[in-house]
Amino acid sequence: MKNITLNVQGMSCQHCVNSIEGALKEIGASGKVNLKGESVDVSFDEQKVSLDQIKEVIEEQGYDVA
């Protein structure tokens, strides 16, 4: 398992947390949103999910990955 922290802008509420964490779960990754830190800690298996897929699924939810 690989662990990374992504800077994500535009998150402000529990809906944002649920949206991002749910989308990551759907593609086989797990995420923990930090609203104050504007970041998401992501754990994933590089054999199953790519970093590009993770960024894409977060951006599809309407947030900017820096």
PDB file of N, CA and C in Angstrom:
ATOM      1  N   MET A   1       0.842  -1.188   0.000  1.00  0.00           N
ATOM      2  CA  MET A   1       0.000   0.000   0.000  1.00  0.00           C
ATOM      3  C   MET A   1       0.879   1.240   0.000  1.00  0.00           C
ATOM      4  N   LYS A   2       0.469   2.195  -0.794  1.00  0.00           N
ATOM      5  CA  LYS A   2       1.178   3.460  -0.847  1.00  0.00           C
ATOM      6  C   LYS A   2       0.326   4.516  -0.149  1.00  0.00           C
ATOM      7  N   ASN A   3       0.964   5.411   0.582  1.00  0.00           N
ATOM      8  CA  ASN A   3       0.277   6.507   1.274  1.00  0.00           C
ATOM      9  C   ASN A   3       0.800   7.829   0.743  1.00  0.00           C
ATOM     10  N   ILE A   4      -0.130   8.710   0.362  1.00  0.00           N
ATOM     11  CA  ILE A   4       0.245  10.039  -0.115  1.00  0.00           C
ATOM     12  C   ILE A   4      -0.685  11.072   0.494  1.00  0.00           C
ATOM     13  N   THR A   5      -0.253  12.315   0.489  1.00  0.00           N
ATOM     14  CA  THR A   5      -1.103  13.424   0.909  1.00  0.00           C
ATOM     15  C   THR A   5      -1.215  14.384  -0.262  1.00  0.00           C
ATOM     16  N   LEU A   6      -2.458  14.668  -0.645  1.00  0.00           N
ATOM     17  CA  LEU A   6      -2.717  15.594  -1.745  1.00  0.00           C
ATOM     18  C   LEU A   6      -3.297  16.885  -1.206  1.00  0.00           C
ATOM     19  N   ASN A   7      -2.859  18.016  -1.755  1.00  0.00           N
ATOM     20  CA  ASN A   7      -3.463  19.302  -1.424  1.00  0.00           C
ATOM     21  C   ASN A   7      -4.701  19.463  -2.301  1.00  0.00           C
ATOM     22  N   VAL A   8      -5.847  19.666  -1.650  1.00  0.00           N
ATOM     23  CA  VAL A   8      -7.117  19.768  -2.367  1.00  0.00           C
ATOM     24  C   VAL A   8      -7.815  21.051  -1.940  1.00  0.00           C
ATOM     25  N   GLN A   9      -8.165  21.876  -2.922  1.00  0.00           N
ATOM     26  CA  GLN A   9      -8.807  23.155  -2.638  1.00  0.00           C
ATOM     27  C   GLN A   9     -10.293  23.086  -2.961  1.00  0.00           C
ATOM     28  N   GLY A  10     -11.071  23.842  -2.199  1.00  0.00           N
ATOM     29  CA  GLY A  10     -12.505  23.939  -2.454  1.00  0.00           C
ATOM     30  C   GLY A  10     -13.357  23.146  -1.478  1.00  0.00           C
ATOM     31  N   MET A  11     -12.743  22.469  -0.514  1.00  0.00           N
ATOM     32  CA  MET A  11     -13.492  21.689   0.467  1.00  0.00           C
ATOM     33  C   MET A  11     -13.876  22.581   1.637  1.00  0.00           C
ATOM     34  N   SER A  12     -15.145  22.451   2.096  1.00  0.00           N
ATOM     35  CA  SER A  12     -15.551  23.325   3.193  1.00  0.00           C
ATOM     36  C   SER A  12     -16.507  22.686   4.199  1.00  0.00           C
ATOM     37  N   CYS A  13     -17.035  21.495   3.914  1.00  0.00           N
ATOM     38  CA  CYS A  13     -18.071  20.952   4.796  1.00  0.00           C
ATOM     39  C   CYS A  13     -18.073  19.429   4.791  1.00  0.00           C
ATOM     40  N   GLN A  14     -18.972  18.863   5.581  1.00  0.00           N
ATOM     41  CA  GLN A  14     -19.068  17.409   5.682  1.00  0.00           C
ATOM     42  C   GLN A  14     -19.467  16.775   4.352  1.00  0.00           C
ATOM     43  N   HIS A  15     -20.249  17.475   3.562  1.00  0.00           N
ATOM     44  CA  HIS A  15     -20.602  16.954   2.240  1.00  0.00           C
ATOM     45  C   HIS A  15     -19.343  16.761   1.396  1.00  0.00           C
ATOM     46  N   CYS A  16     -18.423  17.691   1.479  1.00  0.00           N
ATOM     47  CA  CYS A  16     -17.156  17.588   0.742  1.00  0.00           C
ATOM     48  C   CYS A  16     -16.397  16.342   1.184  1.00  0.00           C
ATOM     49  N   VAL A  17     -16.353  16.126   2.491  1.00  0.00           N
ATOM     50  CA  VAL A  17     -15.661  14.958   3.050  1.00  0.00           C
ATOM     51  C   VAL A  17     -16.290  13.680   2.511  1.00  0.00           C
ATOM     52  N   ASN A  18     -17.609  13.572   2.608  1.00  0.00           N
ATOM     53  CA  ASN A  18     -18.311  12.369   2.162  1.00  0.00           C
ATOM     54  C   ASN A  18     -18.138  12.139   0.665  1.00  0.00           C
ATOM     55  N   SER A  19     -18.189  13.209  -0.098  1.00  0.00           N
ATOM     56  CA  SER A  19     -18.062  13.133  -1.547  1.00  0.00           C
ATOM     57  C   SER A  19     -16.710  12.580  -1.954  1.00  0.00           C
ATOM     58  N   ILE A  20     -15.651  13.136  -1.399  1.00  0.00           N
ATOM     59  CA  ILE A  20     -14.297  12.715  -1.754  1.00  0.00           C
ATOM     60  C   ILE A  20     -13.988  11.316  -1.229  1.00  0.00           C
ATOM     61  N   GLU A  21     -14.276  11.065   0.038  1.00  0.00           N
ATOM     62  CA  GLU A  21     -13.972   9.763   0.618  1.00  0.00           C
ATOM     63  C   GLU A  21     -14.783   8.658  -0.065  1.00  0.00           C
ATOM     64  N   GLY A  22     -16.032   8.938  -0.414  1.00  0.00           N
ATOM     65  CA  GLY A  22     -16.867   7.962  -1.106  1.00  0.00           C
ATOM     66  C   GLY A  22     -16.361   7.662  -2.508  1.00  0.00           C
ATOM     67  N   ALA A  23     -15.950   8.703  -3.229  1.00  0.00           N
ATOM     68  CA  ALA A  23     -15.437   8.523  -4.590  1.00  0.00           C
ATOM     69  C   ALA A  23     -14.147   7.710  -4.583  1.00  0.00           C
ATOM     70  N   LEU A  24     -13.287   7.957  -3.609  1.00  0.00           N
ATOM     71  CA  LEU A  24     -12.040   7.201  -3.510  1.00  0.00           C
ATOM     72  C   LEU A  24     -12.330   5.734  -3.211  1.00  0.00           C
ATOM     73  N   LYS A  25     -13.288   5.494  -2.335  1.00  0.00           N
ATOM     74  CA  LYS A  25     -13.648   4.120  -1.980  1.00  0.00           C
ATOM     75  C   LYS A  25     -14.153   3.353  -3.206  1.00  0.00           C
ATOM     76  N   GLU A  26     -14.899   4.033  -4.070  1.00  0.00           N
ATOM     77  CA  GLU A  26     -15.449   3.400  -5.268  1.00  0.00           C
ATOM     78  C   GLU A  26     -14.371   2.887  -6.223  1.00  0.00           C
ATOM     79  N   ILE A  27     -13.212   3.549  -6.236  1.00  0.00           N
ATOM     80  CA  ILE A  27     -12.147   3.106  -7.141  1.00  0.00           C
ATOM     81  C   ILE A  27     -11.125   2.207  -6.438  1.00  0.00           C
ATOM     82  N   GLY A  28     -11.366   1.888  -5.167  1.00  0.00           N
ATOM     83  CA  GLY A  28     -10.489   0.966  -4.457  1.00  0.00           C
ATOM     84  C   GLY A  28      -9.396   1.613  -3.633  1.00  0.00           C
ATOM     85  N   ALA A  29      -9.532   2.904  -3.371  1.00  0.00           N
ATOM     86  CA  ALA A  29      -8.569   3.613  -2.517  1.00  0.00           C
ATOM     87  C   ALA A  29      -9.300   4.020  -1.240  1.00  0.00           C
ATOM     88  N   SER A  30      -8.550   4.408  -0.233  1.00  0.00           N
ATOM     89  CA  SER A  30      -9.187   4.948   0.961  1.00  0.00           C
ATOM     90  C   SER A  30      -8.597   6.322   1.223  1.00  0.00           C
ATOM     91  N   GLY A  31      -9.454   7.228   1.674  1.00  0.00           N
ATOM     92  CA  GLY A  31      -8.999   8.594   1.906  1.00  0.00           C
ATOM     93  C   GLY A  31      -9.515   9.154   3.197  1.00  0.00           C
ATOM     94  N   LYS A  32      -8.756  10.068   3.771  1.00  0.00           N
ATOM     95  CA  LYS A  32      -9.143  10.781   4.985  1.00  0.00           C
ATOM     96  C   LYS A  32      -8.950  12.264   4.708  1.00  0.00           C
ATOM     97  N   VAL A  33     -10.071  12.999   4.684  1.00  0.00           N
ATOM     98  CA  VAL A  33     -10.041  14.426   4.369  1.00  0.00           C
ATOM     99  C   VAL A  33      -9.714  15.235   5.614  1.00  0.00           C
ATOM    100  N   ASN A  34      -8.854  16.240   5.443  1.00  0.00           N
ATOM    101  CA  ASN A  34      -8.539  17.207   6.493  1.00  0.00           C
ATOM    102  C   ASN A  34      -8.997  18.565   5.978  1.00  0.00           C
ATOM    103  N   LEU A  35     -10.189  18.995   6.416  1.00  0.00           N
ATOM    104  CA  LEU A  35     -10.739  20.260   5.923  1.00  0.00           C
ATOM    105  C   LEU A  35      -9.849  21.447   6.269  1.00  0.00           C
ATOM    106  N   LYS A  36      -9.396  21.521   7.519  1.00  0.00           N
ATOM    107  CA  LYS A  36      -8.556  22.647   7.947  1.00  0.00           C
ATOM    108  C   LYS A  36      -7.254  22.711   7.172  1.00  0.00           C
ATOM    109  N   GLY A  37      -6.654  21.558   6.940  1.00  0.00           N
ATOM    110  CA  GLY A  37      -5.380  21.500   6.243  1.00  0.00           C
ATOM    111  C   GLY A  37      -5.512  21.497   4.732  1.00  0.00           C
ATOM    112  N   GLU A  38      -6.769  21.497   4.240  1.00  0.00           N
ATOM    113  CA  GLU A  38      -7.039  21.437   2.799  1.00  0.00           C
ATOM    114  C   GLU A  38      -6.245  20.325   2.143  1.00  0.00           C
ATOM    115  N   SER A  39      -6.328  19.121   2.750  1.00  0.00           N
ATOM    116  CA  SER A  39      -5.584  17.991   2.209  1.00  0.00           C
ATOM    117  C   SER A  39      -6.387  16.707   2.345  1.00  0.00           C
ATOM    118  N   VAL A  40      -5.941  15.707   1.594  1.00  0.00           N
ATOM    119  CA  VAL A  40      -6.531  14.371   1.668  1.00  0.00           C
ATOM    120  C   VAL A  40      -5.392  13.368   1.753  1.00  0.00           C
ATOM    121  N   ASP A  41      -5.414  12.553   2.812  1.00  0.00           N
ATOM    122  CA  ASP A  41      -4.456  11.464   2.953  1.00  0.00           C
ATOM    123  C   ASP A  41      -5.065  10.256   2.259  1.00  0.00           C
ATOM    124  N   VAL A  42      -4.340   9.701   1.297  1.00  0.00           N
ATOM    125  CA  VAL A  42      -4.861   8.599   0.492  1.00  0.00           C
ATOM    126  C   VAL A  42      -3.954   7.381   0.617  1.00  0.00           C
ATOM    127  N   SER A  43      -4.586   6.218   0.812  1.00  0.00           N
ATOM    128  CA  SER A  43      -3.891   4.933   0.806  1.00  0.00           C
ATOM    129  C   SER A  43      -4.440   4.134  -0.360  1.00  0.00           C
ATOM    130  N   PHE A  44      -3.522   3.531  -1.133  1.00  0.00           N
ATOM    131  CA  PHE A  44      -3.976   2.775  -2.293  1.00  0.00           C
ATOM    132  C   PHE A  44      -2.938   1.758  -2.724  1.00  0.00           C
ATOM    133  N   ASP A  45      -3.398   0.750  -3.456  1.00  0.00           N
ATOM    134  CA  ASP A  45      -2.535  -0.284  -4.021  1.00  0.00           C
ATOM    135  C   ASP A  45      -2.171   0.163  -5.428  1.00  0.00           C
ATOM    136  N   GLU A  46      -0.897   0.434  -5.657  1.00  0.00           N
ATOM    137  CA  GLU A  46      -0.442   0.932  -6.962  1.00  0.00           C
ATOM    138  C   GLU A  46      -0.691  -0.057  -8.094  1.00  0.00           C
ATOM    139  N   GLN A  47      -0.908  -1.323  -7.769  1.00  0.00           N
ATOM    140  CA  GLN A  47      -1.200  -2.326  -8.789  1.00  0.00           C
ATOM    141  C   GLN A  47      -2.640  -2.209  -9.291  1.00  0.00           C
ATOM    142  N   LYS A  48      -3.498  -1.566  -8.492  1.00  0.00           N
ATOM    143  CA  LYS A  48      -4.925  -1.482  -8.821  1.00  0.00           C
ATOM    144  C   LYS A  48      -5.397  -0.077  -9.178  1.00  0.00           C
ATOM    145  N   VAL A  49      -4.775   0.926  -8.587  1.00  0.00           N
ATOM    146  CA  VAL A  49      -5.213   2.311  -8.765  1.00  0.00           C
ATOM    147  C   VAL A  49      -3.988   3.196  -8.999  1.00  0.00           C
ATOM    148  N   SER A  50      -4.092   4.098  -9.981  1.00  0.00           N
ATOM    149  CA  SER A  50      -2.975   5.005 -10.243  1.00  0.00           C
ATOM    150  C   SER A  50      -3.216   6.356  -9.576  1.00  0.00           C
ATOM    151  N   LEU A  51      -2.137   7.094  -9.393  1.00  0.00           N
ATOM    152  CA  LEU A  51      -2.238   8.438  -8.828  1.00  0.00           C
ATOM    153  C   LEU A  51      -3.100   9.323  -9.726  1.00  0.00           C
ATOM    154  N   ASP A  52      -2.976   9.164 -11.035  1.00  0.00           N
ATOM    155  CA  ASP A  52      -3.800   9.944 -11.968  1.00  0.00           C
ATOM    156  C   ASP A  52      -5.273   9.650 -11.781  1.00  0.00           C
ATOM    157  N   GLN A  53      -5.627   8.392 -11.541  1.00  0.00           N
ATOM    158  CA  GLN A  53      -7.026   8.037 -11.303  1.00  0.00           C
ATOM    159  C   GLN A  53      -7.538   8.695 -10.027  1.00  0.00           C
ATOM    160  N   ILE A  54      -6.708   8.723  -9.008  1.00  0.00           N
ATOM    161  CA  ILE A  54      -7.090   9.334  -7.735  1.00  0.00           C
ATOM    162  C   ILE A  54      -7.348  10.824  -7.925  1.00  0.00           C
ATOM    163  N   LYS A  55      -6.423  11.505  -8.593  1.00  0.00           N
ATOM    164  CA  LYS A  55      -6.600  12.944  -8.834  1.00  0.00           C
ATOM    165  C   LYS A  55      -7.858  13.200  -9.663  1.00  0.00           C
ATOM    166  N   GLU A  56      -8.060  12.374 -10.679  1.00  0.00           N
ATOM    167  CA  GLU A  56      -9.204  12.546 -11.570  1.00  0.00           C
ATOM    168  C   GLU A  56     -10.528  12.391 -10.818  1.00  0.00           C
ATOM    169  N   VAL A  57     -10.625  11.388  -9.963  1.00  0.00           N
ATOM    170  CA  VAL A  57     -11.885  11.153  -9.255  1.00  0.00           C
ATOM    171  C   VAL A  57     -12.171  12.285  -8.264  1.00  0.00           C
ATOM    172  N   ILE A  58     -11.148  12.865  -7.672  1.00  0.00           N
ATOM    173  CA  ILE A  58     -11.353  14.016  -6.773  1.00  0.00           C
ATOM    174  C   ILE A  58     -11.805  15.225  -7.584  1.00  0.00           C
ATOM    175  N   GLU A  59     -11.170  15.465  -8.719  1.00  0.00           N
ATOM    176  CA  GLU A  59     -11.545  16.603  -9.566  1.00  0.00           C
ATOM    177  C   GLU A  59     -12.953  16.441 -10.129  1.00  0.00           C
ATOM    178  N   GLU A  60     -13.375  15.196 -10.387  1.00  0.00           N
ATOM    179  CA  GLU A  60     -14.730  14.945 -10.869  1.00  0.00           C
ATOM    180  C   GLU A  60     -15.785  15.325  -9.828  1.00  0.00           C
ATOM    181  N   GLN A  61     -15.380  15.356  -8.561  1.00  0.00           N
ATOM    182  CA  GLN A  61     -16.293  15.757  -7.497  1.00  0.00           C
ATOM    183  C   GLN A  61     -16.385  17.291  -7.375  1.00  0.00           C
ATOM    184  N   GLY A  62     -15.565  17.998  -8.150  1.00  0.00           N
ATOM    185  CA  GLY A  62     -15.622  19.456  -8.167  1.00  0.00           C
ATOM    186  C   GLY A  62     -14.552  20.171  -7.364  1.00  0.00           C
ATOM    187  N   TYR A  63     -13.474  19.465  -7.033  1.00  0.00           N
ATOM    188  CA  TYR A  63     -12.400  20.054  -6.230  1.00  0.00           C
ATOM    189  C   TYR A  63     -11.124  20.131  -7.038  1.00  0.00           C
ATOM    190  N   ASP A  64     -10.240  21.039  -6.649  1.00  0.00           N
ATOM    191  CA  ASP A  64      -8.971  21.230  -7.355  1.00  0.00           C
ATOM    192  C   ASP A  64      -7.844  20.537  -6.591  1.00  0.00           C
ATOM    193  N   VAL A  65      -7.134  19.662  -7.285  1.00  0.00           N
ATOM    194  CA  VAL A  65      -5.978  18.997  -6.697  1.00  0.00           C
ATOM    195  C   VAL A  65      -4.733  19.786  -7.102  1.00  0.00           C
ATOM    196  N   ALA A  66      -4.030  20.305  -6.094  1.00  0.00           N
ATOM    197  CA  ALA A  66      -2.854  21.139  -6.367  1.00  0.00           C
ATOM    198  C   ALA A  66      -1.610  20.292  -6.490  1.00  0.00           C
TER     199      ALA A  66
END
